[in-house]
Amino acid sequence: KNDWIRKHLQRIQKRQQDERRERATPGVWFQGQCLPLTVVESSAKPMVVHSDRGIMLRVHPGTDAGKRQALLERWYRDKLTACLPALFARYEPLMGVKVNEFRVRKMKTRWGTCNYRVGRIWINLDLVRRPPELLEYIVVHEMAHLLEPSHNRHFVARMDRYSPRWREHRRALRQYSLRFDPLG
């Protein structure tokens, strides 16, 4: 199994190099773009403002890094939660399924999960930092599980039909780790 081990070690090393490069880039990631981050200390209510110039994090004077991260994470969660209903609404009539419930959470081992028995989909919070087409791929993937619980040929046929570039998107997602650090 040396070839398999070598291949996976190379993949892990490349992912670690990419993570170090991403962390070294000043700014924060949102929808596949590294945006400049400006921190403004003010007595006004803490908030995150996204504009064409980047992301501005307004915090109270002396706010520590943990609270800054929590503020940005809440903003990420709100942004992701707000965009998901439109994606589900777009694919539900095409695929003939109904998402009864969805939730967003930080996950260590998955980009998404599906409980097909109750129609619930969980989406990894880190997808808000990735390009939108990767989020869309995960949404379609999890919705396909509402129709086919396993990754059999019927599932693959559905993915080919509703997300023709899914293999490309899956390869792209494998470049990212599942570690969520809103400021890194």
C-alpha atoms as a PDB file:
ATOM      1  CA  LYS A   1       0.000   0.000   0.000  1.00  0.00           C
ATOM      2  CA  ASN A   2       3.018   2.273  -0.334  1.00  0.00           C
ATOM      3  CA  ASP A   3       1.656   4.022  -3.420  1.00  0.00           C
ATOM      4  CA  TRP A   4      -1.647   4.774  -1.680  1.00  0.00           C
ATOM      5  CA  ILE A   5       0.141   6.083   1.408  1.00  0.00           C
ATOM      6  CA  ARG A   6       2.516   8.207  -0.676  1.00  0.00           C
ATOM      7  CA  LYS A   7      -0.380   9.673  -2.658  1.00  0.00           C
ATOM      8  CA  HIS A   8      -2.315  10.624   0.474  1.00  0.00           C
ATOM      9  CA  LEU A   9       0.737  12.030   2.221  1.00  0.00           C
ATOM     10  CA  GLN A  10       1.383  14.245  -0.797  1.00  0.00           C
ATOM     11  CA  ARG A  11      -2.228  15.420  -0.722  1.00  0.00           C
ATOM     12  CA  ILE A  12      -1.953  16.248   2.995  1.00  0.00           C
ATOM     13  CA  GLN A  13       1.340  18.094   2.484  1.00  0.00           C
ATOM     14  CA  LYS A  14      -0.129  20.143  -0.367  1.00  0.00           C
ATOM     15  CA  ARG A  15      -3.169  20.989   1.763  1.00  0.00           C
ATOM     16  CA  GLN A  16      -0.908  22.107   4.602  1.00  0.00           C
ATOM     17  CA  GLN A  17       1.121  24.294   2.219  1.00  0.00           C
ATOM     18  CA  ASP A  18      -2.087  25.850   0.874  1.00  0.00           C
ATOM     19  CA  GLU A  19      -3.311  26.490   4.434  1.00  0.00           C
ATOM     20  CA  ARG A  20      -0.035  28.192   5.365  1.00  0.00           C
ATOM     21  CA  ARG A  21      -0.256  30.353   2.229  1.00  0.00           C
ATOM     22  CA  GLU A  22      -3.904  31.195   2.997  1.00  0.00           C
ATOM     23  CA  ARG A  23      -3.064  32.104   6.597  1.00  0.00           C
ATOM     24  CA  ALA A  24      -0.159  34.297   5.438  1.00  0.00           C
ATOM     25  CA  THR A  25      -2.488  36.303   3.204  1.00  0.00           C
ATOM     26  CA  PRO A  26      -3.722  39.359   5.095  1.00  0.00           C
ATOM     27  CA  GLY A  27      -7.479  39.534   5.191  1.00  0.00           C
ATOM     28  CA  VAL A  28     -10.396  37.162   5.515  1.00  0.00           C
ATOM     29  CA  TRP A  29     -11.937  34.766   3.056  1.00  0.00           C
ATOM     30  CA  PHE A  30     -15.521  35.197   1.901  1.00  0.00           C
ATOM     31  CA  GLN A  31     -17.100  33.426  -1.080  1.00  0.00           C
ATOM     32  CA  GLY A  32     -13.739  32.417  -2.489  1.00  0.00           C
ATOM     33  CA  GLN A  33     -12.095  35.827  -2.253  1.00  0.00           C
ATOM     34  CA  CYS A  34      -9.529  37.080   0.207  1.00  0.00           C
ATOM     35  CA  LEU A  35     -10.851  40.452   1.300  1.00  0.00           C
ATOM     36  CA  PRO A  36      -8.863  43.065   3.203  1.00  0.00           C
ATOM     37  CA  LEU A  37      -9.858  43.222   6.844  1.00  0.00           C
ATOM     38  CA  THR A  38     -10.060  46.532   8.662  1.00  0.00           C
ATOM     39  CA  VAL A  39     -10.638  46.570  12.397  1.00  0.00           C
ATOM     40  CA  VAL A  40     -12.156  49.784  13.723  1.00  0.00           C
ATOM     41  CA  GLU A  41     -12.443  50.343  17.442  1.00  0.00           C
ATOM     42  CA  SER A  42     -15.554  52.326  18.343  1.00  0.00           C
ATOM     43  CA  SER A  43     -18.021  52.657  21.176  1.00  0.00           C
ATOM     44  CA  ALA A  44     -20.830  51.969  18.686  1.00  0.00           C
ATOM     45  CA  LYS A  45     -22.454  48.531  18.454  1.00  0.00           C
ATOM     46  CA  PRO A  46     -20.010  45.861  17.216  1.00  0.00           C
ATOM     47  CA  MET A  47     -20.729  44.744  13.685  1.00  0.00           C
ATOM     48  CA  VAL A  48     -19.273  43.471  10.413  1.00  0.00           C
ATOM     49  CA  VAL A  49     -19.648  45.516   7.235  1.00  0.00           C
ATOM     50  CA  HIS A  50     -18.921  43.996   3.827  1.00  0.00           C
ATOM     51  CA  SER A  51     -18.261  46.325   0.901  1.00  0.00           C
ATOM     52  CA  ASP A  52     -16.388  46.303  -2.389  1.00  0.00           C
ATOM     53  CA  ARG A  53     -13.327  47.520  -0.454  1.00  0.00           C
ATOM     54  CA  GLY A  54     -13.305  44.555   1.939  1.00  0.00           C
ATOM     55  CA  ILE A  55     -14.599  43.699   5.373  1.00  0.00           C
ATOM     56  CA  MET A  56     -14.710  46.140   8.244  1.00  0.00           C
ATOM     57  CA  LEU A  57     -14.947  44.733  11.739  1.00  0.00           C
ATOM     58  CA  ARG A  58     -16.228  47.339  14.190  1.00  0.00           C
ATOM     59  CA  VAL A  59     -15.480  46.408  17.787  1.00  0.00           C
ATOM     60  CA  HIS A  60     -15.347  48.082  21.157  1.00  0.00           C
ATOM     61  CA  PRO A  61     -11.907  49.344  22.214  1.00  0.00           C
ATOM     62  CA  GLY A  62      -9.821  46.572  23.755  1.00  0.00           C
ATOM     63  CA  THR A  63     -11.879  43.706  22.301  1.00  0.00           C
ATOM     64  CA  ASP A  64      -9.738  40.562  22.337  1.00  0.00           C
ATOM     65  CA  ALA A  65      -9.106  38.296  19.350  1.00  0.00           C
ATOM     66  CA  GLY A  66     -11.580  35.661  20.568  1.00  0.00           C
ATOM     67  CA  LYS A  67     -14.474  38.119  20.589  1.00  0.00           C
ATOM     68  CA  ARG A  68     -13.443  39.451  17.175  1.00  0.00           C
ATOM     69  CA  GLN A  69     -13.476  35.917  15.832  1.00  0.00           C
ATOM     70  CA  ALA A  70     -16.884  35.255  17.382  1.00  0.00           C
ATOM     71  CA  LEU A  71     -18.308  38.404  15.782  1.00  0.00           C
ATOM     72  CA  LEU A  72     -16.980  37.438  12.359  1.00  0.00           C
ATOM     73  CA  GLU A  73     -18.189  33.867  12.804  1.00  0.00           C
ATOM     74  CA  ARG A  74     -21.729  35.083  13.590  1.00  0.00           C
ATOM     75  CA  TRP A  75     -21.625  37.235  10.465  1.00  0.00           C
ATOM     76  CA  TYR A  76     -20.436  34.251   8.388  1.00  0.00           C
ATOM     77  CA  ARG A  77     -23.220  32.110   9.840  1.00  0.00           C
ATOM     78  CA  ASP A  78     -25.854  34.765   9.055  1.00  0.00           C
ATOM     79  CA  LYS A  79     -24.585  35.149   5.471  1.00  0.00           C
ATOM     80  CA  LEU A  80     -24.561  31.414   4.826  1.00  0.00           C
ATOM     81  CA  THR A  81     -27.954  30.868   6.460  1.00  0.00           C
ATOM     82  CA  ALA A  82     -29.421  33.672   4.342  1.00  0.00           C
ATOM     83  CA  CYS A  83     -28.221  32.289   1.006  1.00  0.00           C
ATOM     84  CA  LEU A  84     -29.219  28.644   1.520  1.00  0.00           C
ATOM     85  CA  PRO A  85     -33.018  28.974   1.098  1.00  0.00           C
ATOM     86  CA  ALA A  86     -32.558  30.307  -2.444  1.00  0.00           C
ATOM     87  CA  LEU A  87     -30.335  27.361  -3.352  1.00  0.00           C
ATOM     88  CA  PHE A  88     -32.800  24.863  -1.927  1.00  0.00           C
ATOM     89  CA  ALA A  89     -35.694  26.615  -3.696  1.00  0.00           C
ATOM     90  CA  ARG A  90     -33.779  26.485  -6.979  1.00  0.00           C
ATOM     91  CA  TYR A  91     -33.138  22.733  -6.838  1.00  0.00           C
ATOM     92  CA  GLU A  92     -36.248  21.410  -5.066  1.00  0.00           C
ATOM     93  CA  PRO A  93     -38.507  21.600  -8.150  1.00  0.00           C
ATOM     94  CA  LEU A  94     -35.745  20.331 -10.451  1.00  0.00           C
ATOM     95  CA  MET A  95     -34.952  17.342  -8.272  1.00  0.00           C
ATOM     96  CA  GLY A  96     -38.459  16.699  -6.976  1.00  0.00           C
ATOM     97  CA  VAL A  97     -37.455  16.782  -3.300  1.00  0.00           C
ATOM     98  CA  LYS A  98     -38.288  18.926  -0.290  1.00  0.00           C
ATOM     99  CA  VAL A  99     -35.763  20.049   2.308  1.00  0.00           C
ATOM    100  CA  ASN A 100     -37.772  20.134   5.518  1.00  0.00           C
ATOM    101  CA  GLU A 101     -35.041  21.685   7.631  1.00  0.00           C
ATOM    102  CA  PHE A 102     -31.481  22.892   7.285  1.00  0.00           C
ATOM    103  CA  ARG A 103     -28.847  24.001   9.737  1.00  0.00           C
ATOM    104  CA  VAL A 104     -25.359  25.421   9.614  1.00  0.00           C
ATOM    105  CA  ARG A 105     -22.612  24.224  11.918  1.00  0.00           C
ATOM    106  CA  LYS A 106     -18.857  23.861  12.162  1.00  0.00           C
ATOM    107  CA  MET A 107     -17.891  20.341  11.174  1.00  0.00           C
ATOM    108  CA  LYS A 108     -14.528  18.643  11.449  1.00  0.00           C
ATOM    109  CA  THR A 109     -14.971  15.810   8.959  1.00  0.00           C
ATOM    110  CA  ARG A 110     -17.752  16.705   6.496  1.00  0.00           C
ATOM    111  CA  TRP A 111     -18.785  19.536   4.179  1.00  0.00           C
ATOM    112  CA  GLY A 112     -22.410  18.560   4.641  1.00  0.00           C
ATOM    113  CA  THR A 113     -24.653  15.820   5.969  1.00  0.00           C
ATOM    114  CA  CYS A 114     -28.167  14.682   5.277  1.00  0.00           C
ATOM    115  CA  ASN A 115     -30.777  12.850   7.294  1.00  0.00           C
ATOM    116  CA  TYR A 116     -32.953  11.594   4.451  1.00  0.00           C
ATOM    117  CA  ARG A 117     -35.568  10.143   6.820  1.00  0.00           C
ATOM    118  CA  VAL A 118     -36.589  13.578   8.134  1.00  0.00           C
ATOM    119  CA  GLY A 119     -35.373  15.732   5.224  1.00  0.00           C
ATOM    120  CA  ARG A 120     -32.753  17.627   7.259  1.00  0.00           C
ATOM    121  CA  ILE A 121     -29.510  18.939   5.781  1.00  0.00           C
ATOM    122  CA  TRP A 122     -26.526  20.282   7.712  1.00  0.00           C
ATOM    123  CA  ILE A 123     -24.039  22.529   5.915  1.00  0.00           C
ATOM    124  CA  ASN A 124     -20.478  23.185   7.097  1.00  0.00           C
ATOM    125  CA  LEU A 125     -19.972  26.828   8.088  1.00  0.00           C
ATOM    126  CA  ASP A 126     -16.602  26.918   6.343  1.00  0.00           C
ATOM    127  CA  LEU A 127     -18.348  26.775   2.948  1.00  0.00           C
ATOM    128  CA  VAL A 128     -19.171  30.484   3.298  1.00  0.00           C
ATOM    129  CA  ARG A 129     -15.452  31.140   2.833  1.00  0.00           C
ATOM    130  CA  ARG A 130     -15.215  29.002  -0.309  1.00  0.00           C
ATOM    131  CA  PRO A 131     -16.296  29.828  -3.880  1.00  0.00           C
ATOM    132  CA  PRO A 132     -20.113  29.820  -4.272  1.00  0.00           C
ATOM    133  CA  GLU A 133     -20.074  26.976  -6.798  1.00  0.00           C
ATOM    134  CA  LEU A 134     -18.589  24.683  -4.140  1.00  0.00           C
ATOM    135  CA  LEU A 135     -21.423  25.510  -1.757  1.00  0.00           C
ATOM    136  CA  GLU A 136     -23.905  24.825  -4.536  1.00  0.00           C
ATOM    137  CA  TYR A 137     -22.256  21.474  -5.233  1.00  0.00           C
ATOM    138  CA  ILE A 138     -22.592  20.446  -1.561  1.00  0.00           C
ATOM    139  CA  VAL A 139     -26.238  21.551  -1.499  1.00  0.00           C
ATOM    140  CA  VAL A 140     -27.011  19.438  -4.582  1.00  0.00           C
ATOM    141  CA  HIS A 141     -25.007  16.529  -3.165  1.00  0.00           C
ATOM    142  CA  GLU A 142     -26.941  16.539   0.101  1.00  0.00           C
ATOM    143  CA  MET A 143     -30.280  17.015  -1.673  1.00  0.00           C
ATOM    144  CA  ALA A 144     -29.451  14.030  -3.891  1.00  0.00           C
ATOM    145  CA  HIS A 145     -29.119  12.011  -0.679  1.00  0.00           C
ATOM    146  CA  LEU A 146     -32.772  12.788   0.042  1.00  0.00           C
ATOM    147  CA  LEU A 147     -33.506  10.674  -3.037  1.00  0.00           C
ATOM    148  CA  GLU A 148     -30.683   8.163  -2.738  1.00  0.00           C
ATOM    149  CA  PRO A 149     -29.030   7.613   0.668  1.00  0.00           C
ATOM    150  CA  SER A 150     -25.910   5.855  -0.641  1.00  0.00           C
ATOM    151  CA  HIS A 151     -23.274   6.825  -3.215  1.00  0.00           C
ATOM    152  CA  ASN A 152     -24.391   4.182  -5.692  1.00  0.00           C
ATOM    153  CA  ARG A 153     -24.787   4.512  -9.473  1.00  0.00           C
ATOM    154  CA  HIS A 154     -28.247   6.095  -9.089  1.00  0.00           C
ATOM    155  CA  PHE A 155     -26.777   8.775  -6.848  1.00  0.00           C
ATOM    156  CA  VAL A 156     -23.954   9.401  -9.337  1.00  0.00           C
ATOM    157  CA  ALA A 157     -26.490   9.666 -12.173  1.00  0.00           C
ATOM    158  CA  ARG A 158     -28.446  12.292 -10.211  1.00  0.00           C
ATOM    159  CA  MET A 159     -25.266  14.247  -9.536  1.00  0.00           C
ATOM    160  CA  ASP A 160     -24.349  14.089 -13.225  1.00  0.00           C
ATOM    161  CA  ARG A 161     -27.784  15.402 -14.090  1.00  0.00           C
ATOM    162  CA  TYR A 162     -28.116  18.235 -11.552  1.00  0.00           C
ATOM    163  CA  SER A 163     -24.458  19.215 -11.093  1.00  0.00           C
ATOM    164  CA  PRO A 164     -22.515  18.198 -14.215  1.00  0.00           C
ATOM    165  CA  ARG A 165     -19.221  19.622 -12.885  1.00  0.00           C
ATOM    166  CA  TRP A 166     -19.535  17.906  -9.491  1.00  0.00           C
ATOM    167  CA  ARG A 167     -16.323  15.891  -9.873  1.00  0.00           C
ATOM    168  CA  GLU A 168     -14.363  19.077 -10.507  1.00  0.00           C
ATOM    169  CA  HIS A 169     -15.963  20.723  -7.468  1.00  0.00           C
ATOM    170  CA  ARG A 170     -15.234  17.685  -5.303  1.00  0.00           C
ATOM    171  CA  ARG A 171     -11.552  17.868  -6.326  1.00  0.00           C
ATOM    172  CA  ALA A 172     -11.495  21.587  -5.506  1.00  0.00           C
ATOM    173  CA  LEU A 173     -12.981  21.012  -2.035  1.00  0.00           C
ATOM    174  CA  ARG A 174     -10.347  18.405  -1.265  1.00  0.00           C
ATOM    175  CA  GLN A 175      -7.753  21.189  -1.405  1.00  0.00           C
ATOM    176  CA  TYR A 176      -9.233  22.745   1.722  1.00  0.00           C
ATOM    177  CA  SER A 177      -9.035  21.443   5.227  1.00  0.00           C
ATOM    178  CA  LEU A 178     -12.160  21.316   7.341  1.00  0.00           C
ATOM    179  CA  ARG A 179     -10.627  23.499  10.043  1.00  0.00           C
ATOM    180  CA  PHE A 180     -12.692  26.649  10.575  1.00  0.00           C
ATOM    181  CA  ASP A 181     -10.814  29.753  11.627  1.00  0.00           C
ATOM    182  CA  PRO A 182     -12.748  32.895  10.702  1.00  0.00           C
ATOM    183  CA  LEU A 183      -9.683  35.122  10.818  1.00  0.00           C
ATOM    184  CA  GLY A 184      -7.291  32.672   9.179  1.00  0.00           C
END
